[in-house]
């Protein structure tokens, strides 16, 4: 799924211009990201839950040279599909 796909669906279902649908898509994604930053998760009923998780610092290997490198701690987003989505797919 891409922003263009979401924009197209919004444009067709609401009968607005492509530019308006694109702005609405961007606003929707921005709102989801803002809520995830604030609460640490975002749930779409009947679809699933996006959760922010912290990752620990670790050592890894450079695939080109094989030398060990340090990877900093950070954050990642996990998704867990709802039972309704799992059944539908």
Foldseek 3Di string as FASTA:
>chain_A
DDLQVQLVVCCVVVVDDSVVSSVVSVVVVVVLVVVCVVPQKDDDPLFWIKGKDKACKDWDADVVPRDIDIDHIDIDIDIDTDPNVVVVD
